[in-house]
């Protein structure tokens, strides 16, 4: 079984949970013997909040060998290959970032080469006409470009099933499926209703809907997301499956807590600073906490379109003394901030799944999550609250900070919860879906 997998980020090139999920699922598929050809667009330049193109070189591809990804902690895959195409896809990038990235690709094209995975590749080595049509500095233009390049690549490859992650790769998935006749599974990690509420971007919604209806199977990360797919997109229930995300345990299975060297307790928010993630509710709950408990520091880690508003609200609430903004973190810095935390809070307004709480639990950090999240379907021994109920959120934060026995119980039970979730199990579920799709296609 070989899968032609389309995704727009993969560690260390990540801007959110999608890259983490793609890495975990791909590694799980590798463990259960499914071959994956992962098709990745070129990363954005440095300064856009993500790793630069050269960083993709740490991702292993092909036979298992020493060095490279293994030495850099990214892991080695035995059944995976990666192709990096000269297109720019980044859901959270700014127009200026696209303009810079596209201009860089133009210069490389003029020199007759571009760089991917740390290797200089002659333009002539790409499929004929791969660079036809020119570059465009807008997201939709790059979505179409990625679809064209992926389709040209697919004609040179042999595979059984197509798997497309999130809306930016759906046009590519549909195009490849039309050209090759292979079955298509689209993976819904988030919908436009999660990201934008009722004020959806019509073009993005149309792409999502076309991808879901055109696919042979729709994989959702939670039943919460499945209900949105059924109700908002009108997808037939019989072709919508749920496959939960998972988390990697800390290296060596070490769950010890790093001591805090000051008397402040640390409450962590880690995620994009956007409407969807609920930073406003986190800050309003923080205000109520500090009215009763002063030895606390609220750490906000991430970047996003509401970062300016969050800073302004912090000032308006007179929380400057108690709130620290770290900006976007990656890699070891994420591990460090989790090890420092006494509590992780995810107050998301609408969260299809939410991998960050699993990452917090894997670092032995108690968590509070919103009831409006997919991960609340699989976690029992955590504290849950409606995102809008800042009074209850503050009360639960105070309870964890003030009562060590509660912290201990949440940590102990959290480790038990994690054992129920593994990327290998998620991959096995996807493998069954692939086999069903491939079998149906062969009969047809």
Protein backbone atom coordinates (compact mmCIF):
# COMPACT_ATOMS: atom_id res chain seq x y z
CA UNK A 1 0.00 0.00 0.00
CA UNK A 2 1.39 3.39 -1.05
CA UNK A 3 -0.19 6.77 -0.31
CA UNK A 4 0.28 10.00 -2.25
CA UNK A 5 0.03 12.43 0.67
CA UNK A 6 -0.55 16.16 0.23
CA UNK A 7 0.19 18.51 3.12
CA UNK A 8 1.37 22.08 3.50
CA UNK A 9 3.62 21.76 6.54
CA UNK A 10 5.86 19.15 8.12
CA UNK A 11 8.39 19.48 10.99
CA UNK A 12 10.55 21.40 11.38
CA UNK A 13 8.57 23.65 8.99
CA UNK A 14 5.48 24.23 11.12
CA UNK A 15 3.17 27.06 12.10
CA UNK A 16 0.55 25.09 14.04
CA UNK A 17 -0.82 21.70 14.90
CA UNK A 18 -1.19 20.44 11.33
CA UNK A 19 2.54 19.86 10.90
CA UNK A 20 2.69 17.96 14.18
CA UNK A 21 -0.29 15.82 13.15
CA UNK A 22 1.18 15.10 9.71
CA UNK A 23 4.46 14.04 11.25
CA UNK A 24 2.83 11.80 13.87
CA UNK A 25 0.46 10.15 11.41
CA UNK A 26 3.20 9.63 8.82
CA UNK A 27 5.45 8.03 11.40
CA UNK A 28 2.58 5.83 12.52
CA UNK A 29 1.91 4.76 8.93
CA UNK A 30 5.60 3.98 8.59
CA UNK A 31 5.36 1.70 11.63
CA UNK A 32 2.40 -0.24 10.21
CA UNK A 33 4.10 -0.70 6.83
CA UNK A 34 2.27 1.87 4.69
CA UNK A 35 4.50 3.65 2.17
CA UNK A 36 4.03 7.42 2.01
CA UNK A 37 5.10 9.86 -0.69
CA UNK A 38 4.68 13.21 1.09
CA UNK A 39 4.32 16.20 -1.24
CA UNK A 40 5.30 19.44 0.51
CA UNK A 41 5.37 23.02 -0.79
CA UNK A 42 8.43 25.23 -0.32
CA UNK A 43 8.63 26.82 3.10
CA UNK A 44 8.28 30.56 3.62
CA UNK A 45 11.43 32.66 4.15
CA UNK A 46 12.89 33.25 7.60
CA UNK A 47 11.10 35.96 9.52
CA UNK A 48 7.60 34.76 8.64
CA UNK A 49 7.35 32.83 11.89
CA UNK A 50 8.41 29.47 10.47
CA UNK A 51 11.60 27.64 9.60
CA UNK A 52 13.18 28.50 6.27
CA UNK A 53 13.37 26.23 3.20
CA UNK A 54 16.77 24.78 4.09
CA UNK A 55 15.35 23.45 7.35
CA UNK A 56 13.37 20.85 5.42
CA UNK A 57 16.68 19.03 4.95
CA UNK A 58 16.40 17.47 8.41
CA UNK A 59 13.40 15.41 7.31
CA UNK A 60 14.38 11.87 6.41
CA UNK A 61 13.35 10.35 3.09
CA UNK A 62 13.98 6.93 1.63
CA UNK A 63 15.90 4.09 3.28
CA UNK A 64 16.79 4.33 6.94
CA UNK A 65 20.24 5.77 7.31
CA UNK A 66 22.23 7.32 10.10
CA UNK A 67 22.70 11.06 10.30
CA UNK A 68 20.45 13.83 9.03
CA UNK A 69 17.03 13.66 10.65
CA UNK A 70 18.09 11.04 13.19
CA UNK A 71 20.83 13.25 14.56
CA UNK A 72 18.54 16.28 14.64
CA UNK A 73 15.78 14.53 16.51
CA UNK A 74 13.24 14.43 13.70
CA UNK A 75 13.19 10.64 13.40
CA UNK A 76 13.87 8.37 10.45
CA UNK A 77 11.27 6.75 8.21
CA UNK A 78 11.78 3.47 6.38
CA UNK A 79 8.76 3.73 4.07
CA UNK A 80 8.55 7.45 3.38
CA UNK A 81 9.75 9.66 0.54
CA UNK A 82 9.33 13.43 0.35
CA UNK A 83 9.01 15.74 -2.61
CA UNK A 84 9.22 19.51 -2.13
CA UNK A 85 7.53 21.54 -4.87
CA UNK A 86 8.26 25.19 -5.76
CA UNK A 87 4.98 26.59 -4.45
CA UNK A 88 4.27 28.65 -1.35
CA UNK A 89 1.45 27.52 0.95
CA UNK A 90 1.05 28.98 4.42
CA UNK A 91 -2.41 29.52 5.89
CA UNK A 92 -1.22 32.07 8.43
CA UNK A 93 1.27 33.96 6.27
CA UNK A 94 0.91 37.66 5.50
CA UNK A 95 0.77 39.11 1.95
CA UNK A 96 4.30 40.51 2.39
CA UNK A 97 5.56 37.03 3.26
CA UNK A 98 4.11 35.64 0.02
CA UNK A 99 5.62 38.45 -2.02
CA UNK A 100 9.08 37.75 -0.53
CA UNK A 101 8.79 34.00 -1.03
CA UNK A 102 7.56 34.31 -4.61
CA UNK A 103 10.32 36.76 -5.48
CA UNK A 104 12.90 34.35 -4.09
CA UNK A 105 11.51 31.55 -6.23
CA UNK A 106 11.63 33.82 -9.28
CA UNK A 107 15.34 34.48 -8.69
CA UNK A 108 16.04 30.78 -8.32
CA UNK A 109 14.08 30.04 -11.49
CA UNK A 110 16.16 32.61 -13.33
CA UNK A 111 19.31 30.79 -12.21
CA UNK A 112 17.87 27.50 -13.41
CA UNK A 113 17.62 25.89 -10.00
CA UNK A 114 15.82 26.00 -6.68
CA UNK A 115 16.61 24.50 -3.33
CA UNK A 116 14.54 21.91 -1.50
CA UNK A 117 15.49 19.54 1.29
CA UNK A 118 18.97 21.05 1.27
CA UNK A 119 19.62 19.84 -2.30
CA UNK A 120 20.01 21.99 -5.40
CA UNK A 121 17.68 20.62 -8.06
CA UNK A 122 18.03 21.68 -11.71
CA UNK A 123 14.82 23.03 -13.19
CA UNK A 124 15.16 20.51 -16.01
CA UNK A 125 14.83 17.66 -13.50
CA UNK A 126 11.23 18.63 -12.81
CA UNK A 127 8.32 17.38 -14.87
CA UNK A 128 7.96 19.14 -18.25
CA UNK A 129 6.07 22.40 -17.87
CA UNK A 130 6.26 22.25 -14.09
CA UNK A 131 7.03 25.96 -13.88
CA UNK A 132 4.64 27.05 -16.61
CA UNK A 133 2.11 29.70 -15.72
CA UNK A 134 4.45 31.86 -13.69
CA UNK A 135 4.34 32.74 -10.02
CA UNK A 136 1.67 34.67 -8.22
CA UNK A 137 2.08 36.32 -4.86
CA UNK A 138 -1.38 35.46 -3.54
CA UNK A 139 -2.52 32.41 -1.60
CA UNK A 140 -5.15 31.22 -4.08
CA UNK A 141 -2.68 31.47 -6.93
CA UNK A 142 -0.23 29.34 -4.98
CA UNK A 143 -2.98 26.80 -4.15
CA UNK A 144 -3.61 26.40 -7.88
CA UNK A 145 0.11 26.23 -8.58
CA UNK A 146 0.62 23.50 -5.98
CA UNK A 147 -2.26 21.54 -7.52
CA UNK A 148 -0.68 21.77 -10.99
CA UNK A 149 2.77 20.69 -9.80
CA UNK A 150 1.38 17.88 -7.65
CA UNK A 151 -0.63 16.56 -10.59
CA UNK A 152 2.45 16.56 -12.83
CA UNK A 153 4.40 14.71 -10.15
CA UNK A 154 1.60 12.17 -9.67
CA UNK A 155 1.76 11.16 -13.33
CA UNK A 156 5.32 9.95 -12.73
CA UNK A 157 4.57 8.01 -9.54
CA UNK A 158 2.78 4.78 -8.64
CA UNK A 159 0.45 4.78 -5.63
CA UNK A 160 -2.87 3.36 -4.43
CA UNK A 161 -4.60 6.18 -2.54
CA UNK A 162 -4.45 9.99 -2.29
CA UNK A 163 -4.61 11.63 1.15
CA UNK A 164 -5.01 15.45 1.28
CA UNK A 165 -4.66 17.42 4.53
CA UNK A 166 -6.80 20.55 4.99
CA UNK A 167 -8.33 22.87 2.42
CA UNK A 168 -5.22 24.25 0.70
CA UNK A 169 -4.38 20.78 -0.64
CA UNK A 170 -7.93 19.76 -1.63
CA UNK A 171 -7.67 21.19 -5.18
CA UNK A 172 -4.45 19.20 -5.63
CA UNK A 173 -6.13 16.07 -4.31
CA UNK A 174 -9.11 16.48 -6.64
CA UNK A 175 -6.84 17.14 -9.62
CA UNK A 176 -4.63 14.12 -8.93
CA UNK A 177 -7.70 11.92 -8.43
CA UNK A 178 -9.21 13.07 -11.73
CA UNK A 179 -5.97 12.44 -13.63
CA UNK A 180 -5.10 9.06 -12.12
CA UNK A 181 -8.47 7.59 -11.15
CA UNK A 182 -7.13 6.80 -7.68
CA UNK A 183 -9.43 7.17 -4.63
CA UNK A 184 -9.15 10.33 -2.56
CA UNK A 185 -9.39 10.79 1.20
CA UNK A 186 -9.48 14.36 2.52
CA UNK A 187 -8.50 15.01 6.13
CA UNK A 188 -10.38 17.79 7.96
CA UNK A 189 -8.18 19.22 10.71
CA UNK A 190 -10.13 22.49 10.83
CA UNK A 191 -13.01 24.13 8.98
CA UNK A 192 -13.61 27.71 7.95
CA UNK A 193 -16.30 27.90 10.64
CA UNK A 194 -13.68 27.04 13.27
CA UNK A 195 -11.27 29.67 11.98
CA UNK A 196 -13.72 32.49 11.17
CA UNK A 197 -16.96 31.81 13.03
CA UNK A 198 -20.00 32.83 10.99
CA UNK A 199 -17.98 35.30 8.89
CA UNK A 200 -16.53 32.67 6.58
CA UNK A 201 -14.35 33.38 3.57
CA UNK A 202 -16.66 32.22 0.79
CA UNK A 203 -13.88 31.05 -1.54
CA UNK A 204 -12.25 28.97 1.20
CA UNK A 205 -15.63 27.46 2.13
CA UNK A 206 -16.30 26.61 -1.53
CA UNK A 207 -12.93 24.84 -1.79
CA UNK A 208 -13.58 22.92 1.41
CA UNK A 209 -17.03 21.86 0.27
CA UNK A 210 -15.82 20.82 -3.19
CA UNK A 211 -13.01 18.78 -1.64
CA UNK A 212 -15.31 17.00 0.80
CA UNK A 213 -17.96 16.22 -1.81
CA UNK A 214 -15.40 15.20 -4.42
CA UNK A 215 -13.53 12.87 -2.07
CA UNK A 216 -14.27 9.18 -1.61
CA UNK A 217 -13.81 9.52 2.15
CA UNK A 218 -13.70 12.44 4.58
CA UNK A 219 -11.56 11.90 7.69
CA UNK A 220 -12.41 14.18 10.64
CA UNK A 221 -10.28 14.65 13.75
CA UNK A 222 -13.28 14.49 16.10
CA UNK A 223 -17.03 13.93 16.21
CA UNK A 224 -17.35 17.67 16.84
CA UNK A 225 -15.75 18.29 13.44
CA UNK A 226 -17.80 15.51 11.86
CA UNK A 227 -21.02 17.23 12.98
CA UNK A 228 -19.85 20.46 11.29
CA UNK A 229 -18.98 18.57 8.09
CA UNK A 230 -22.42 16.96 8.04
CA UNK A 231 -24.42 20.04 9.03
CA UNK A 232 -22.54 22.89 7.36
CA UNK A 233 -21.18 21.16 4.26
CA UNK A 234 -23.94 18.62 3.58
CA UNK A 235 -21.56 15.67 3.17
CA UNK A 236 -23.25 12.23 3.21
CA UNK A 237 -22.77 10.65 6.65
CA UNK A 238 -21.72 7.27 5.28
CA UNK A 239 -18.47 8.61 3.87
CA UNK A 240 -17.35 10.62 6.93
CA UNK A 241 -15.01 8.84 9.37
CA UNK A 242 -13.42 9.97 12.65
CA UNK A 243 -9.73 9.37 13.39
CA UNK A 244 -8.47 11.04 16.56
CA UNK A 245 -5.06 12.68 16.77
CA UNK A 246 -2.47 11.52 19.27
CA UNK A 247 0.78 12.65 20.88
CA UNK A 248 4.36 11.48 21.15
CA UNK A 249 5.53 10.68 24.69
CA UNK A 250 8.55 12.62 25.98
CA UNK A 251 11.90 11.11 25.14
CA UNK A 252 12.77 8.29 27.52
CA UNK A 253 9.29 8.40 29.08
CA UNK A 254 10.53 10.90 31.69
CA UNK A 255 7.60 12.65 33.35
CA UNK A 256 9.57 14.50 36.03
CA UNK A 257 8.66 18.14 36.52
CA UNK A 258 11.39 20.75 36.21
CA UNK A 259 11.42 22.82 39.44
CA UNK A 260 10.45 26.46 39.15
CA UNK A 261 13.21 28.63 40.61
CA UNK A 262 10.94 31.43 41.74
CA UNK A 263 7.76 31.61 43.75
CA UNK A 264 5.50 32.35 40.77
CA UNK A 265 3.22 29.69 39.38
CA UNK A 266 3.14 29.61 35.59
CA UNK A 267 -0.13 29.31 33.67
CA UNK A 268 0.49 28.67 29.97
CA UNK A 269 -1.44 29.56 26.82
CA UNK A 270 0.21 28.03 23.75
CA UNK A 271 -1.40 28.46 20.35
CA UNK A 272 -2.12 30.93 17.59
CA UNK A 273 -3.26 34.32 18.86
CA UNK A 274 -6.50 34.28 16.88
CA UNK A 275 -10.23 34.47 17.52
CA UNK A 276 -10.49 30.68 17.28
CA UNK A 277 -8.08 30.08 20.18
CA UNK A 278 -9.80 32.42 22.67
CA UNK A 279 -6.90 34.55 24.02
CA UNK A 280 -9.37 37.21 25.17
CA UNK A 281 -11.09 34.75 27.51
CA UNK A 282 -7.72 33.59 28.85
CA UNK A 283 -6.79 37.17 29.71
CA UNK A 284 -10.15 37.99 31.29
CA UNK A 285 -9.88 34.87 33.43
CA UNK A 286 -6.32 35.90 34.34
CA UNK A 287 -7.65 39.23 35.63
CA UNK A 288 -10.00 37.42 38.01
CA UNK A 289 -7.22 35.10 39.16
CA UNK A 290 -4.77 37.86 40.10
CA UNK A 291 -7.45 39.57 42.16
CA UNK A 292 -7.17 36.60 44.53
CA UNK A 293 -3.73 35.11 43.85
CA UNK A 294 -0.70 37.28 43.14
CA UNK A 295 2.14 34.79 42.79
CA UNK A 296 1.29 33.82 39.24
CA UNK A 297 2.59 34.50 35.76
CA UNK A 298 0.45 34.01 32.65
CA UNK A 299 2.67 33.09 29.70
CA UNK A 300 1.21 33.54 26.21
CA UNK A 301 3.17 31.69 23.56
CA UNK A 302 2.38 32.07 19.87
CA UNK A 303 1.70 34.62 17.14
CA UNK A 304 -1.32 35.61 15.12
CA UNK A 305 -3.54 38.39 13.87
CA UNK A 306 -4.85 39.27 17.36
CA UNK A 307 -1.45 39.69 19.02
CA UNK A 308 -1.79 43.49 19.03
CA UNK A 309 -5.30 43.31 20.47
CA UNK A 310 -4.12 40.86 23.14
CA UNK A 311 -1.34 43.23 24.22
CA UNK A 312 -3.79 46.13 24.33
CA UNK A 313 -6.27 44.10 26.41
CA UNK A 314 -3.47 43.12 28.80
CA UNK A 315 -2.73 46.81 29.35
CA UNK A 316 -6.42 47.72 29.68
CA UNK A 317 -6.85 45.04 32.37
CA UNK A 318 -3.71 46.25 34.21
CA UNK A 319 -2.13 42.82 33.78
CA UNK A 320 1.28 43.93 32.51
CA UNK A 321 2.96 42.73 35.71
CA UNK A 322 1.43 39.26 35.37
CA UNK A 323 1.49 38.48 31.62
CA UNK A 324 4.47 37.59 29.43
CA UNK A 325 4.29 37.28 25.63
CA UNK A 326 7.02 35.04 24.21
CA UNK A 327 6.16 35.15 20.52
CA UNK A 328 6.26 32.07 18.29
CA UNK A 329 8.30 29.17 19.70
CA UNK A 330 9.41 25.90 18.09
CA UNK A 331 11.38 22.78 18.88
CA UNK A 332 13.26 22.68 22.16
CA UNK A 333 11.82 26.03 23.24
CA UNK A 334 8.31 24.51 23.23
CA UNK A 335 9.54 21.64 25.41
CA UNK A 336 11.15 24.11 27.82
CA UNK A 337 8.04 26.22 28.25
CA UNK A 338 5.94 23.11 28.91
CA UNK A 339 8.45 21.94 31.53
CA UNK A 340 8.21 25.31 33.25
CA UNK A 341 4.40 25.36 33.36
CA UNK A 342 2.27 24.50 36.38
CA UNK A 343 -0.92 24.53 34.31
CA UNK A 344 -1.90 24.65 30.63
CA UNK A 345 -5.16 26.30 29.56
CA UNK A 346 -6.79 25.92 26.13
CA UNK A 347 -9.84 28.27 26.02
CA UNK A 348 -10.61 27.67 22.33
CA UNK A 349 -13.86 29.03 20.93
CA UNK A 350 -13.98 26.22 18.36
CA UNK A 351 -11.28 23.56 18.30
CA UNK A 352 -11.65 20.62 15.89
CA UNK A 353 -9.27 18.58 18.04
CA UNK A 354 -6.41 20.27 19.89
CA UNK A 355 -3.04 18.52 20.13
CA UNK A 356 -1.51 21.02 22.56
CA UNK A 357 -3.35 19.64 25.64
CA UNK A 358 -1.95 16.19 24.81
CA UNK A 359 1.52 17.71 24.54
CA UNK A 360 1.00 19.36 27.94
CA UNK A 361 -0.07 16.07 29.51
CA UNK A 362 2.93 14.35 27.94
CA UNK A 363 5.08 16.85 29.86
CA UNK A 364 3.15 16.06 33.06
CA UNK A 365 1.33 19.40 33.08
CA UNK A 366 -2.31 19.55 34.28
CA UNK A 367 -4.70 21.02 31.71
CA UNK A 368 -7.93 22.96 31.49
CA UNK A 369 -9.67 22.72 28.12
CA UNK A 370 -12.79 24.25 26.62
CA UNK A 371 -15.82 22.03 26.20
CA UNK A 372 -15.93 23.34 22.63
CA UNK A 373 -12.97 21.17 21.56
CA UNK A 374 -12.67 17.78 19.90
CA UNK A 375 -10.03 16.62 22.37
CA UNK A 376 -12.63 16.88 25.16
CA UNK A 377 -14.22 13.78 23.57
CA UNK A 378 -11.21 11.64 24.44
CA UNK A 379 -9.93 13.21 27.68
CA UNK A 380 -11.88 12.44 30.84
CA UNK A 381 -9.59 13.30 33.76
CA UNK A 382 -9.00 16.93 32.87
CA UNK A 383 -10.82 20.09 33.89
CA UNK A 384 -13.30 21.38 31.30
CA UNK A 385 -15.04 24.72 31.00
CA UNK A 386 -17.13 26.64 28.47
CA UNK A 387 -14.76 29.07 26.74
CA UNK A 388 -16.99 32.04 27.53
CA UNK A 389 -17.32 31.29 31.26
CA UNK A 390 -14.31 33.25 32.52
CA UNK A 391 -15.52 33.06 36.13
CA UNK A 392 -15.46 29.25 36.08
CA UNK A 393 -12.18 29.25 34.18
CA UNK A 394 -10.62 31.47 36.85
CA UNK A 395 -12.02 29.28 39.65
CA UNK A 396 -10.50 26.16 38.11
CA UNK A 397 -7.14 27.87 37.55
CA UNK A 398 -7.12 28.90 41.21
CA UNK A 399 -8.07 25.40 42.34
CA UNK A 400 -5.11 23.86 40.50
CA UNK A 401 -2.63 26.48 41.68
CA UNK A 402 -3.76 26.35 45.32
CA UNK A 403 -4.23 22.62 45.84
CA UNK A 404 -1.20 20.37 45.18
CA UNK A 405 -3.28 17.16 45.70
CA UNK A 406 -5.51 18.21 42.77
CA UNK A 407 -2.42 18.85 40.65
CA UNK A 408 -1.08 15.42 41.54
CA UNK A 409 -4.31 13.62 40.64
CA UNK A 410 -4.60 15.46 37.32
CA UNK A 411 -1.00 14.54 36.45
CA UNK A 412 -1.40 10.89 37.40
CA UNK A 413 -4.67 10.49 35.54
CA UNK A 414 -3.29 12.42 32.58
CA UNK A 415 -0.60 9.79 32.05
CA UNK A 416 -3.27 7.08 32.04
CA UNK A 417 -5.29 9.05 29.48
CA UNK A 418 -2.29 9.35 27.15
CA UNK A 419 -1.84 5.60 26.97
CA UNK A 420 -5.18 5.38 25.16
CA UNK A 421 -3.94 7.55 22.29
CA UNK A 422 -1.14 6.68 19.89
CA UNK A 423 -0.23 7.68 16.36
CA UNK A 424 0.20 4.01 15.53
CA UNK A 425 -3.49 3.42 16.36
CA UNK A 426 -4.52 6.46 14.28
CA UNK A 427 -2.37 5.18 11.41
CA UNK A 428 -3.90 1.71 11.66
CA UNK A 429 -7.34 3.26 11.37
CA UNK A 430 -6.24 5.20 8.28
CA UNK A 431 -4.70 2.04 6.82
CA UNK A 432 -8.09 0.31 7.09
CA UNK A 433 -9.70 3.27 5.30
CA UNK A 434 -7.04 3.15 2.56
CA UNK A 435 -7.61 -0.58 2.04
CA UNK A 436 -11.35 -0.10 1.81
CA UNK A 437 -10.95 2.72 -0.73
CA UNK A 438 -8.42 0.81 -2.81
CA UNK A 439 -10.59 -2.31 -2.72
CA UNK A 440 -13.67 -0.40 -3.84
CA UNK A 441 -11.68 1.25 -6.63
CA UNK A 442 -10.38 -2.09 -7.91
CA UNK A 443 -13.91 -3.51 -8.01
CA UNK A 444 -15.19 -0.47 -9.88
